[in-house]
């Protein structure tokens, strides 16, 4: 049976932690670490303004959903309801909380992270460098919530959240009282439904957003019934886990490709690739800019690595 947890039911779990640059609240929604080590894990972080979480990585795949405020992740601007997916052992950051409201985000994992918290760089860089089977990759998708159709339901794919192992993301809008079922998991590692607005009816009870539902791979599609105010939420499928021992760095799926006459330079930490043919116009680097002409103080947009951490990719 799917595990369903609403914030209103567990808000007493919310705890505050003071840090030198501010504070944050942590609310654990799903945590079975004391019962069995490989279960799902979901929690919400509410960070005060202008806090900096240094570039870091985790040992497992995870989604992060911005549910309030804003800020930046690397050089990417964060705003509700951006969805960031990172494979295990993929560095990202720094995560900077915006001014004013700070930033709040929900972290979702199909499996408990064995090391617990963030493994920051450069302290844990040696760990990454020793992992010859690592397959780093990350992507951020921005959901588009459409107006429900004549049947009162709209579900559309979140661009970019896909790979060949079952990764998928959907934006769901439902009118009050309508019913649907979640998409298939495509052989993946479990599925989350996150109710952002409105509510869900489960076992005859109303679960108001923010509510988090996890469905195990063997449980199949989940019935979804919108509450009296309708429902707006995200459905996120975890991909099949990577067998780290069987992979090589060259097999990294999701990395961009370049035309035969153009050079590709790839970050050795997070696998972000700079394509000389396309450049990075959004950062003032026009198409056709060779690597040697990229400013020496330029850093990786995803993990803030320096140019020295990039190497040429054989085409």
C-alpha atoms as a PDB file:
ATOM      1  CA  UNK A   1       0.000   0.000   0.000  1.00  0.00           C
ATOM      2  CA  UNK A   2       1.345   3.495  -0.809  1.00  0.00           C
ATOM      3  CA  UNK A   3       2.708   5.511   2.104  1.00  0.00           C
ATOM      4  CA  UNK A   4       0.836   8.827   2.465  1.00  0.00           C
ATOM      5  CA  UNK A   5       2.008  11.638   4.758  1.00  0.00           C
ATOM      6  CA  UNK A   6       0.607  15.194   4.938  1.00  0.00           C
ATOM      7  CA  UNK A   7       2.420  18.111   6.581  1.00  0.00           C
ATOM      8  CA  UNK A   8      -0.550  18.903   8.820  1.00  0.00           C
ATOM      9  CA  UNK A   9      -0.188  15.443  10.377  1.00  0.00           C
ATOM     10  CA  UNK A  10       3.537  15.600  11.132  1.00  0.00           C
ATOM     11  CA  UNK A  11       4.303  19.298  11.604  1.00  0.00           C
ATOM     12  CA  UNK A  12       5.326  18.636  15.216  1.00  0.00           C
ATOM     13  CA  UNK A  13       8.363  16.860  13.770  1.00  0.00           C
ATOM     14  CA  UNK A  14       9.607  20.175  12.356  1.00  0.00           C
ATOM     15  CA  UNK A  15      12.876  21.107  14.041  1.00  0.00           C
ATOM     16  CA  UNK A  16      15.068  24.184  13.800  1.00  0.00           C
ATOM     17  CA  UNK A  17      18.836  24.200  13.460  1.00  0.00           C
ATOM     18  CA  UNK A  18      20.872  27.377  13.879  1.00  0.00           C
ATOM     19  CA  UNK A  19      23.956  27.835  11.721  1.00  0.00           C
ATOM     20  CA  UNK A  20      26.654  30.554  11.553  1.00  0.00           C
ATOM     21  CA  UNK A  21      24.985  32.092   8.467  1.00  0.00           C
ATOM     22  CA  UNK A  22      21.362  31.693   9.522  1.00  0.00           C
ATOM     23  CA  UNK A  23      19.029  28.793  10.279  1.00  0.00           C
ATOM     24  CA  UNK A  24      16.874  26.141   8.670  1.00  0.00           C
ATOM     25  CA  UNK A  25      13.911  23.943   9.575  1.00  0.00           C
ATOM     26  CA  UNK A  26      13.833  20.237   8.767  1.00  0.00           C
ATOM     27  CA  UNK A  27      10.552  18.318   8.586  1.00  0.00           C
ATOM     28  CA  UNK A  28      10.908  14.546   8.009  1.00  0.00           C
ATOM     29  CA  UNK A  29       7.913  13.162   6.098  1.00  0.00           C
ATOM     30  CA  UNK A  30       9.148   9.607   5.461  1.00  0.00           C
ATOM     31  CA  UNK A  31      12.088   8.115   7.338  1.00  0.00           C
ATOM     32  CA  UNK A  32      12.522   4.408   8.080  1.00  0.00           C
ATOM     33  CA  UNK A  33      16.243   4.526   8.825  1.00  0.00           C
ATOM     34  CA  UNK A  34      15.730   2.986  12.276  1.00  0.00           C
ATOM     35  CA  UNK A  35      13.609   0.121  10.914  1.00  0.00           C
ATOM     36  CA  UNK A  36      15.332  -0.882   7.675  1.00  0.00           C
ATOM     37  CA  UNK A  37      18.248   0.829   5.919  1.00  0.00           C
ATOM     38  CA  UNK A  38      17.099   0.852   2.295  1.00  0.00           C
ATOM     39  CA  UNK A  39      13.603   2.334   2.556  1.00  0.00           C
ATOM     40  CA  UNK A  40      12.374   5.604   1.014  1.00  0.00           C
ATOM     41  CA  UNK A  41      13.266   8.964   2.519  1.00  0.00           C
ATOM     42  CA  UNK A  42      11.455  12.302   2.115  1.00  0.00           C
ATOM     43  CA  UNK A  43      11.889  15.572   4.015  1.00  0.00           C
ATOM     44  CA  UNK A  44      11.398  19.327   3.663  1.00  0.00           C
ATOM     45  CA  UNK A  45      14.046  21.984   4.307  1.00  0.00           C
ATOM     46  CA  UNK A  46      13.100  25.622   4.954  1.00  0.00           C
ATOM     47  CA  UNK A  47      16.246  27.747   4.851  1.00  0.00           C
ATOM     48  CA  UNK A  48      16.605  31.362   5.945  1.00  0.00           C
ATOM     49  CA  UNK A  49      17.802  33.968   3.459  1.00  0.00           C
ATOM     50  CA  UNK A  50      21.348  34.226   2.102  1.00  0.00           C
ATOM     51  CA  UNK A  51      22.506  30.870   3.454  1.00  0.00           C
ATOM     52  CA  UNK A  52      25.039  28.943   1.384  1.00  0.00           C
ATOM     53  CA  UNK A  53      25.118  25.159   1.193  1.00  0.00           C
ATOM     54  CA  UNK A  54      28.451  24.373  -0.434  1.00  0.00           C
ATOM     55  CA  UNK A  55      28.770  22.160  -3.518  1.00  0.00           C
ATOM     56  CA  UNK A  56      28.141  18.580  -2.403  1.00  0.00           C
ATOM     57  CA  UNK A  57      26.856  15.160  -3.433  1.00  0.00           C
ATOM     58  CA  UNK A  58      24.941  12.178  -2.051  1.00  0.00           C
ATOM     59  CA  UNK A  59      25.353   8.437  -2.533  1.00  0.00           C
ATOM     60  CA  UNK A  60      21.856   7.915  -3.977  1.00  0.00           C
ATOM     61  CA  UNK A  61      19.611   9.331  -6.696  1.00  0.00           C
ATOM     62  CA  UNK A  62      17.333  12.129  -5.512  1.00  0.00           C
ATOM     63  CA  UNK A  63      14.748  14.704  -6.541  1.00  0.00           C
ATOM     64  CA  UNK A  64      14.518  18.170  -5.020  1.00  0.00           C
ATOM     65  CA  UNK A  65      11.421  20.341  -5.525  1.00  0.00           C
ATOM     66  CA  UNK A  66      11.393  24.056  -4.742  1.00  0.00           C
ATOM     67  CA  UNK A  67       8.171  24.666  -2.787  1.00  0.00           C
ATOM     68  CA  UNK A  68       8.763  28.231  -1.584  1.00  0.00           C
ATOM     69  CA  UNK A  69      11.056  31.228  -1.955  1.00  0.00           C
ATOM     70  CA  UNK A  70      13.974  31.022  -4.356  1.00  0.00           C
ATOM     71  CA  UNK A  71      17.695  31.294  -4.814  1.00  0.00           C
ATOM     72  CA  UNK A  72      20.330  29.706  -7.019  1.00  0.00           C
ATOM     73  CA  UNK A  73      21.759  26.237  -7.560  1.00  0.00           C
ATOM     74  CA  UNK A  74      25.151  26.666  -9.143  1.00  0.00           C
ATOM     75  CA  UNK A  75      24.367  29.293 -11.775  1.00  0.00           C
ATOM     76  CA  UNK A  76      20.742  28.181 -12.169  1.00  0.00           C
ATOM     77  CA  UNK A  77      17.940  30.329 -10.771  1.00  0.00           C
ATOM     78  CA  UNK A  78      15.517  28.477  -8.500  1.00  0.00           C
ATOM     79  CA  UNK A  79      11.824  29.259  -8.205  1.00  0.00           C
ATOM     80  CA  UNK A  80       8.680  27.273  -7.379  1.00  0.00           C
ATOM     81  CA  UNK A  81       8.169  24.544  -8.553  1.00  0.00           C
ATOM     82  CA  UNK A  82      11.467  23.693 -10.233  1.00  0.00           C
ATOM     83  CA  UNK A  83      12.450  20.010 -10.005  1.00  0.00           C
ATOM     84  CA  UNK A  84      16.123  19.051  -9.781  1.00  0.00           C
ATOM     85  CA  UNK A  85      17.225  15.442 -10.278  1.00  0.00           C
ATOM     86  CA  UNK A  86      20.748  14.250  -9.523  1.00  0.00           C
ATOM     87  CA  UNK A  87      22.202  10.791  -9.801  1.00  0.00           C
ATOM     88  CA  UNK A  88      24.127   9.382  -6.890  1.00  0.00           C
ATOM     89  CA  UNK A  89      27.688  10.719  -6.597  1.00  0.00           C
ATOM     90  CA  UNK A  90      26.919  13.782  -8.752  1.00  0.00           C
ATOM     91  CA  UNK A  91      28.110  17.074  -7.202  1.00  0.00           C
ATOM     92  CA  UNK A  92      25.851  20.108  -7.435  1.00  0.00           C
ATOM     93  CA  UNK A  93      25.798  23.586  -5.954  1.00  0.00           C
ATOM     94  CA  UNK A  94      26.391  25.732  -4.167  1.00  0.00           C
ATOM     95  CA  UNK A  95      22.759  26.113  -3.124  1.00  0.00           C
ATOM     96  CA  UNK A  96      22.204  29.742  -2.125  1.00  0.00           C
ATOM     97  CA  UNK A  97      18.989  30.805  -0.365  1.00  0.00           C
ATOM     98  CA  UNK A  98      17.426  33.926  -1.839  1.00  0.00           C
ATOM     99  CA  UNK A  99      16.952  37.233  -0.057  1.00  0.00           C
ATOM    100  CA  UNK A 100      13.752  37.786   1.882  1.00  0.00           C
ATOM    101  CA  UNK A 101      11.918  34.471   2.071  1.00  0.00           C
ATOM    102  CA  UNK A 102      14.959  32.211   1.707  1.00  0.00           C
ATOM    103  CA  UNK A 103      14.205  28.924  -0.016  1.00  0.00           C
ATOM    104  CA  UNK A 104      12.156  25.848   0.873  1.00  0.00           C
ATOM    105  CA  UNK A 105      12.496  22.528  -0.911  1.00  0.00           C
ATOM    106  CA  UNK A 106      11.388  18.930  -0.598  1.00  0.00           C
ATOM    107  CA  UNK A 107      13.990  16.183  -1.029  1.00  0.00           C
ATOM    108  CA  UNK A 108      12.833  12.765  -2.241  1.00  0.00           C
ATOM    109  CA  UNK A 109      14.835   9.531  -2.286  1.00  0.00           C
ATOM    110  CA  UNK A 110      13.680   6.037  -3.167  1.00  0.00           C
ATOM    111  CA  UNK A 111      16.411   4.686  -0.895  1.00  0.00           C
ATOM    112  CA  UNK A 112      17.847   6.006   2.343  1.00  0.00           C
ATOM    113  CA  UNK A 113      21.239   7.666   1.846  1.00  0.00           C
ATOM    114  CA  UNK A 114      23.753   5.493   3.769  1.00  0.00           C
ATOM    115  CA  UNK A 115      25.996   8.439   4.599  1.00  0.00           C
ATOM    116  CA  UNK A 116      23.167  10.688   5.796  1.00  0.00           C
ATOM    117  CA  UNK A 117      24.007  14.321   5.081  1.00  0.00           C
ATOM    118  CA  UNK A 118      25.743  16.216   2.318  1.00  0.00           C
ATOM    119  CA  UNK A 119      29.290  15.227   1.369  1.00  0.00           C
ATOM    120  CA  UNK A 120      30.873  18.577   0.624  1.00  0.00           C
ATOM    121  CA  UNK A 121      33.631  19.469  -1.783  1.00  0.00           C
ATOM    122  CA  UNK A 122      36.571  19.720  -1.687  1.00  0.00           C
ATOM    123  CA  UNK A 123      36.639  17.573   1.477  1.00  0.00           C
ATOM    124  CA  UNK A 124      35.104  14.513  -0.256  1.00  0.00           C
ATOM    125  CA  UNK A 125      36.630  15.000  -3.697  1.00  0.00           C
ATOM    126  CA  UNK A 126      39.026  12.100  -3.243  1.00  0.00           C
ATOM    127  CA  UNK A 127      36.060   9.770  -2.794  1.00  0.00           C
ATOM    128  CA  UNK A 128      34.705  10.776  -6.202  1.00  0.00           C
ATOM    129  CA  UNK A 129      38.074  10.448  -7.900  1.00  0.00           C
ATOM    130  CA  UNK A 130      38.482   6.886  -6.648  1.00  0.00           C
ATOM    131  CA  UNK A 131      35.124   5.773  -8.102  1.00  0.00           C
ATOM    132  CA  UNK A 132      35.955   4.528 -11.618  1.00  0.00           C
ATOM    133  CA  UNK A 133      32.373   3.326 -12.154  1.00  0.00           C
ATOM    134  CA  UNK A 134      30.683   6.644 -11.350  1.00  0.00           C
ATOM    135  CA  UNK A 135      28.084   7.921 -13.852  1.00  0.00           C
ATOM    136  CA  UNK A 136      27.351  11.538 -12.857  1.00  0.00           C
ATOM    137  CA  UNK A 137      24.397  13.400 -14.353  1.00  0.00           C
ATOM    138  CA  UNK A 138      21.837  15.983 -13.263  1.00  0.00           C
ATOM    139  CA  UNK A 139      18.984  17.941 -14.790  1.00  0.00           C
ATOM    140  CA  UNK A 140      16.464  20.585 -13.741  1.00  0.00           C
ATOM    141  CA  UNK A 141      12.919  20.590 -15.119  1.00  0.00           C
ATOM    142  CA  UNK A 142      10.247  23.271 -14.796  1.00  0.00           C
ATOM    143  CA  UNK A 143       6.724  21.798 -14.679  1.00  0.00           C
ATOM    144  CA  UNK A 144       3.917  23.358 -16.666  1.00  0.00           C
ATOM    145  CA  UNK A 145       0.536  22.989 -14.955  1.00  0.00           C
ATOM    146  CA  UNK A 146      -2.153  23.019 -17.630  1.00  0.00           C
ATOM    147  CA  UNK A 147      -5.841  23.770 -17.296  1.00  0.00           C
ATOM    148  CA  UNK A 148      -7.793  20.521 -16.802  1.00  0.00           C
ATOM    149  CA  UNK A 149      -9.547  19.245 -19.920  1.00  0.00           C
ATOM    150  CA  UNK A 150     -13.226  18.318 -20.204  1.00  0.00           C
ATOM    151  CA  UNK A 151     -12.702  15.316 -17.905  1.00  0.00           C
ATOM    152  CA  UNK A 152     -11.283  17.625 -15.208  1.00  0.00           C
ATOM    153  CA  UNK A 153      -7.708  16.309 -15.462  1.00  0.00           C
ATOM    154  CA  UNK A 154      -4.483  17.525 -17.079  1.00  0.00           C
ATOM    155  CA  UNK A 155      -1.234  15.560 -16.869  1.00  0.00           C
ATOM    156  CA  UNK A 156       1.814  16.480 -18.944  1.00  0.00           C
ATOM    157  CA  UNK A 157       5.452  15.433 -19.066  1.00  0.00           C
ATOM    158  CA  UNK A 158       8.108  17.640 -17.452  1.00  0.00           C
ATOM    159  CA  UNK A 159      10.700  18.345 -20.146  1.00  0.00           C
ATOM    160  CA  UNK A 160      14.170  16.997 -19.478  1.00  0.00           C
ATOM    161  CA  UNK A 161      13.255  14.573 -16.699  1.00  0.00           C
ATOM    162  CA  UNK A 162      13.894  11.392 -18.637  1.00  0.00           C
ATOM    163  CA  UNK A 163      16.545   8.754 -19.206  1.00  0.00           C
ATOM    164  CA  UNK A 164      16.746   5.161 -20.462  1.00  0.00           C
ATOM    165  CA  UNK A 165      16.279   3.646 -16.984  1.00  0.00           C
ATOM    166  CA  UNK A 166      12.755   4.883 -16.197  1.00  0.00           C
ATOM    167  CA  UNK A 167      13.301   8.442 -14.951  1.00  0.00           C
ATOM    168  CA  UNK A 168      10.152  10.499 -15.567  1.00  0.00           C
ATOM    169  CA  UNK A 169       8.273  13.497 -14.245  1.00  0.00           C
ATOM    170  CA  UNK A 170       4.693  14.729 -14.706  1.00  0.00           C
ATOM    171  CA  UNK A 171       2.759  17.867 -13.749  1.00  0.00           C
ATOM    172  CA  UNK A 172      -0.774  17.022 -12.612  1.00  0.00           C
ATOM    173  CA  UNK A 173      -3.813  19.302 -12.328  1.00  0.00           C
ATOM    174  CA  UNK A 174      -7.219  17.938 -11.243  1.00  0.00           C
ATOM    175  CA  UNK A 175     -10.580  19.483 -10.522  1.00  0.00           C
ATOM    176  CA  UNK A 176     -12.403  18.669  -7.289  1.00  0.00           C
ATOM    177  CA  UNK A 177     -13.579  15.080  -7.007  1.00  0.00           C
ATOM    178  CA  UNK A 178     -11.996  13.832 -10.220  1.00  0.00           C
ATOM    179  CA  UNK A 179     -10.168  10.503 -10.358  1.00  0.00           C
ATOM    180  CA  UNK A 180      -7.179   9.175 -12.266  1.00  0.00           C
ATOM    181  CA  UNK A 181      -4.263   6.794 -11.826  1.00  0.00           C
ATOM    182  CA  UNK A 182      -0.568   7.548 -11.826  1.00  0.00           C
ATOM    183  CA  UNK A 183       1.518   6.651 -14.900  1.00  0.00           C
ATOM    184  CA  UNK A 184       3.448   3.382 -14.933  1.00  0.00           C
ATOM    185  CA  UNK A 185       6.901   3.226 -13.359  1.00  0.00           C
ATOM    186  CA  UNK A 186       8.548   1.721 -16.455  1.00  0.00           C
ATOM    187  CA  UNK A 187      10.618  -0.656 -14.358  1.00  0.00           C
ATOM    188  CA  UNK A 188      11.942   2.144 -12.158  1.00  0.00           C
ATOM    189  CA  UNK A 189      12.742   2.266  -8.444  1.00  0.00           C
ATOM    190  CA  UNK A 190       9.491   3.695  -7.084  1.00  0.00           C
ATOM    191  CA  UNK A 191       7.228   6.684  -7.568  1.00  0.00           C
ATOM    192  CA  UNK A 192       6.380   9.809  -5.567  1.00  0.00           C
ATOM    193  CA  UNK A 193       3.271  11.959  -5.801  1.00  0.00           C
ATOM    194  CA  UNK A 194       3.752  15.364  -4.173  1.00  0.00           C
ATOM    195  CA  UNK A 195       0.552  17.355  -3.615  1.00  0.00           C
ATOM    196  CA  UNK A 196       1.560  21.024  -3.776  1.00  0.00           C
ATOM    197  CA  UNK A 197      -1.873  22.687  -3.739  1.00  0.00           C
ATOM    198  CA  UNK A 198      -5.333  21.439  -2.881  1.00  0.00           C
ATOM    199  CA  UNK A 199      -5.672  17.957  -1.463  1.00  0.00           C
ATOM    200  CA  UNK A 200      -5.879  14.224  -2.068  1.00  0.00           C
ATOM    201  CA  UNK A 201      -8.518  11.819  -0.780  1.00  0.00           C
ATOM    202  CA  UNK A 202      -6.880   8.646   0.543  1.00  0.00           C
ATOM    203  CA  UNK A 203      -8.679   5.877   2.455  1.00  0.00           C
ATOM    204  CA  UNK A 204     -11.627   8.238   2.919  1.00  0.00           C
ATOM    205  CA  UNK A 205      -9.491  11.008   4.485  1.00  0.00           C
ATOM    206  CA  UNK A 206      -8.459  14.359   3.033  1.00  0.00           C
ATOM    207  CA  UNK A 207      -4.684  14.897   2.822  1.00  0.00           C
ATOM    208  CA  UNK A 208      -3.941  18.567   2.244  1.00  0.00           C
ATOM    209  CA  UNK A 209      -0.802  19.797   0.516  1.00  0.00           C
ATOM    210  CA  UNK A 210       1.988  19.605   1.114  1.00  0.00           C
ATOM    211  CA  UNK A 211       1.399  15.850   1.091  1.00  0.00           C
ATOM    212  CA  UNK A 212       3.860  13.179  -0.031  1.00  0.00           C
ATOM    213  CA  UNK A 213       2.943   9.717  -1.284  1.00  0.00           C
ATOM    214  CA  UNK A 214       5.470   6.974  -2.094  1.00  0.00           C
ATOM    215  CA  UNK A 215       4.577   3.885  -4.093  1.00  0.00           C
ATOM    216  CA  UNK A 216       6.948   0.908  -4.233  1.00  0.00           C
ATOM    217  CA  UNK A 217       7.842  -0.573  -7.643  1.00  0.00           C
ATOM    218  CA  UNK A 218       5.839  -3.752  -7.045  1.00  0.00           C
ATOM    219  CA  UNK A 219       2.664  -1.864  -6.067  1.00  0.00           C
ATOM    220  CA  UNK A 220       1.778  -0.599  -9.536  1.00  0.00           C
ATOM    221  CA  UNK A 221      -0.117   2.577 -10.510  1.00  0.00           C
ATOM    222  CA  UNK A 222      -1.699   4.554  -7.677  1.00  0.00           C
ATOM    223  CA  UNK A 223      -5.382   5.664  -7.735  1.00  0.00           C
ATOM    224  CA  UNK A 224      -5.587   9.461  -7.306  1.00  0.00           C
ATOM    225  CA  UNK A 225      -8.749  11.251  -6.103  1.00  0.00           C
ATOM    226  CA  UNK A 226      -8.695  15.049  -5.920  1.00  0.00           C
ATOM    227  CA  UNK A 227     -10.058  16.730  -2.793  1.00  0.00           C
ATOM    228  CA  UNK A 228     -12.762  19.435  -2.554  1.00  0.00           C
ATOM    229  CA  UNK A 229     -10.369  22.207  -3.674  1.00  0.00           C
ATOM    230  CA  UNK A 230      -8.900  20.200  -6.524  1.00  0.00           C
ATOM    231  CA  UNK A 231      -5.281  19.087  -6.709  1.00  0.00           C
ATOM    232  CA  UNK A 232      -2.044  20.340  -8.213  1.00  0.00           C
ATOM    233  CA  UNK A 233       1.009  18.172  -7.840  1.00  0.00           C
ATOM    234  CA  UNK A 234       3.992  16.346  -9.284  1.00  0.00           C
ATOM    235  CA  UNK A 235       4.472  12.675 -10.101  1.00  0.00           C
ATOM    236  CA  UNK A 236       8.127  11.635 -10.125  1.00  0.00           C
ATOM    237  CA  UNK A 237       9.475   8.244 -11.162  1.00  0.00           C
ATOM    238  CA  UNK A 238      12.852   7.100  -9.903  1.00  0.00           C
ATOM    239  CA  UNK A 239      15.029   5.302 -12.448  1.00  0.00           C
ATOM    240  CA  UNK A 240      16.416   1.830 -11.931  1.00  0.00           C
ATOM    241  CA  UNK A 241      19.485   2.056  -9.693  1.00  0.00           C
ATOM    242  CA  UNK A 242      22.872   2.056 -11.391  1.00  0.00           C
ATOM    243  CA  UNK A 243      25.157  -0.877 -10.680  1.00  0.00           C
ATOM    244  CA  UNK A 244      28.220   1.246  -9.991  1.00  0.00           C
ATOM    245  CA  UNK A 245      30.616  -1.676 -10.377  1.00  0.00           C
ATOM    246  CA  UNK A 246      29.510  -2.402 -13.953  1.00  0.00           C
ATOM    247  CA  UNK A 247      29.858   1.097 -15.409  1.00  0.00           C
ATOM    248  CA  UNK A 248      32.597   3.230 -16.885  1.00  0.00           C
ATOM    249  CA  UNK A 249      32.793   6.986 -17.004  1.00  0.00           C
ATOM    250  CA  UNK A 250      32.438   6.948 -20.776  1.00  0.00           C
ATOM    251  CA  UNK A 251      28.893   5.534 -20.554  1.00  0.00           C
ATOM    252  CA  UNK A 252      27.367   8.622 -18.924  1.00  0.00           C
ATOM    253  CA  UNK A 253      23.838   9.024 -20.348  1.00  0.00           C
ATOM    254  CA  UNK A 254      22.422  12.474 -20.628  1.00  0.00           C
ATOM    255  CA  UNK A 255      25.627  14.280 -21.613  1.00  0.00           C
ATOM    256  CA  UNK A 256      25.311  16.450 -24.726  1.00  0.00           C
ATOM    257  CA  UNK A 257      27.069  15.589 -27.953  1.00  0.00           C
ATOM    258  CA  UNK A 258      28.970  17.806 -30.336  1.00  0.00           C
ATOM    259  CA  UNK A 259      29.351  17.913 -34.091  1.00  0.00           C
ATOM    260  CA  UNK A 260      32.472  16.089 -35.378  1.00  0.00           C
ATOM    261  CA  UNK A 261      34.360  19.329 -36.031  1.00  0.00           C
ATOM    262  CA  UNK A 262      33.648  20.859 -32.631  1.00  0.00           C
ATOM    263  CA  UNK A 263      35.335  20.070 -29.338  1.00  0.00           C
ATOM    264  CA  UNK A 264      33.477  19.003 -26.225  1.00  0.00           C
ATOM    265  CA  UNK A 265      34.886  19.685 -22.764  1.00  0.00           C
ATOM    266  CA  UNK A 266      33.401  17.802 -19.820  1.00  0.00           C
ATOM    267  CA  UNK A 267      33.480  18.470 -16.082  1.00  0.00           C
ATOM    268  CA  UNK A 268      35.249  15.569 -14.370  1.00  0.00           C
ATOM    269  CA  UNK A 269      33.131  16.025 -11.235  1.00  0.00           C
ATOM    270  CA  UNK A 270      29.521  16.372 -12.419  1.00  0.00           C
ATOM    271  CA  UNK A 271      29.712  15.575 -16.198  1.00  0.00           C
ATOM    272  CA  UNK A 272      28.432  18.972 -17.377  1.00  0.00           C
ATOM    273  CA  UNK A 273      29.726  19.436 -20.931  1.00  0.00           C
ATOM    274  CA  UNK A 274      30.791  22.623 -22.710  1.00  0.00           C
ATOM    275  CA  UNK A 275      30.228  22.390 -26.452  1.00  0.00           C
ATOM    276  CA  UNK A 276      32.339  24.848 -28.432  1.00  0.00           C
ATOM    277  CA  UNK A 277      29.739  24.823 -31.223  1.00  0.00           C
ATOM    278  CA  UNK A 278      26.877  26.093 -29.059  1.00  0.00           C
ATOM    279  CA  UNK A 279      28.803  28.051 -26.412  1.00  0.00           C
ATOM    280  CA  UNK A 280      26.824  29.407 -23.467  1.00  0.00           C
ATOM    281  CA  UNK A 281      25.000  32.513 -24.751  1.00  0.00           C
ATOM    282  CA  UNK A 282      23.097  32.892 -21.481  1.00  0.00           C
ATOM    283  CA  UNK A 283      26.475  33.471 -19.806  1.00  0.00           C
ATOM    284  CA  UNK A 284      27.851  35.769 -22.494  1.00  0.00           C
ATOM    285  CA  UNK A 285      29.834  33.061 -24.318  1.00  0.00           C
ATOM    286  CA  UNK A 286      28.682  33.044 -27.970  1.00  0.00           C
ATOM    287  CA  UNK A 287      28.468  29.933 -30.178  1.00  0.00           C
ATOM    288  CA  UNK A 288      31.782  28.928 -31.683  1.00  0.00           C
ATOM    289  CA  UNK A 289      33.865  30.114 -28.727  1.00  0.00           C
ATOM    290  CA  UNK A 290      36.865  27.767 -28.343  1.00  0.00           C
ATOM    291  CA  UNK A 291      37.681  26.452 -24.882  1.00  0.00           C
ATOM    292  CA  UNK A 292      40.866  28.508 -24.596  1.00  0.00           C
ATOM    293  CA  UNK A 293      38.800  31.684 -25.109  1.00  0.00           C
ATOM    294  CA  UNK A 294      36.396  30.907 -22.266  1.00  0.00           C
ATOM    295  CA  UNK A 295      37.299  33.268 -19.380  1.00  0.00           C
ATOM    296  CA  UNK A 296      39.822  31.738 -16.993  1.00  0.00           C
ATOM    297  CA  UNK A 297      37.609  32.481 -13.986  1.00  0.00           C
ATOM    298  CA  UNK A 298      34.539  30.793 -15.518  1.00  0.00           C
ATOM    299  CA  UNK A 299      33.137  27.945 -13.390  1.00  0.00           C
ATOM    300  CA  UNK A 300      30.879  24.968 -14.087  1.00  0.00           C
ATOM    301  CA  UNK A 301      27.210  26.053 -14.012  1.00  0.00           C
ATOM    302  CA  UNK A 302      26.154  22.865 -12.184  1.00  0.00           C
ATOM    303  CA  UNK A 303      28.846  22.267  -9.535  1.00  0.00           C
ATOM    304  CA  UNK A 304      31.116  25.368  -9.637  1.00  0.00           C
ATOM    305  CA  UNK A 305      34.216  23.384 -10.644  1.00  0.00           C
ATOM    306  CA  UNK A 306      36.978  25.428 -12.306  1.00  0.00           C
ATOM    307  CA  UNK A 307      38.237  25.137 -15.893  1.00  0.00           C
ATOM    308  CA  UNK A 308      41.077  22.986 -14.571  1.00  0.00           C
ATOM    309  CA  UNK A 309      38.468  20.315 -13.693  1.00  0.00           C
ATOM    310  CA  UNK A 310      37.395  19.958 -17.360  1.00  0.00           C
ATOM    311  CA  UNK A 311      38.932  17.610 -19.878  1.00  0.00           C
ATOM    312  CA  UNK A 312      38.484  17.170 -23.634  1.00  0.00           C
ATOM    313  CA  UNK A 313      36.113  14.422 -24.754  1.00  0.00           C
ATOM    314  CA  UNK A 314      37.169  12.217 -27.637  1.00  0.00           C
ATOM    315  CA  UNK A 315      34.586  12.440 -30.431  1.00  0.00           C
END
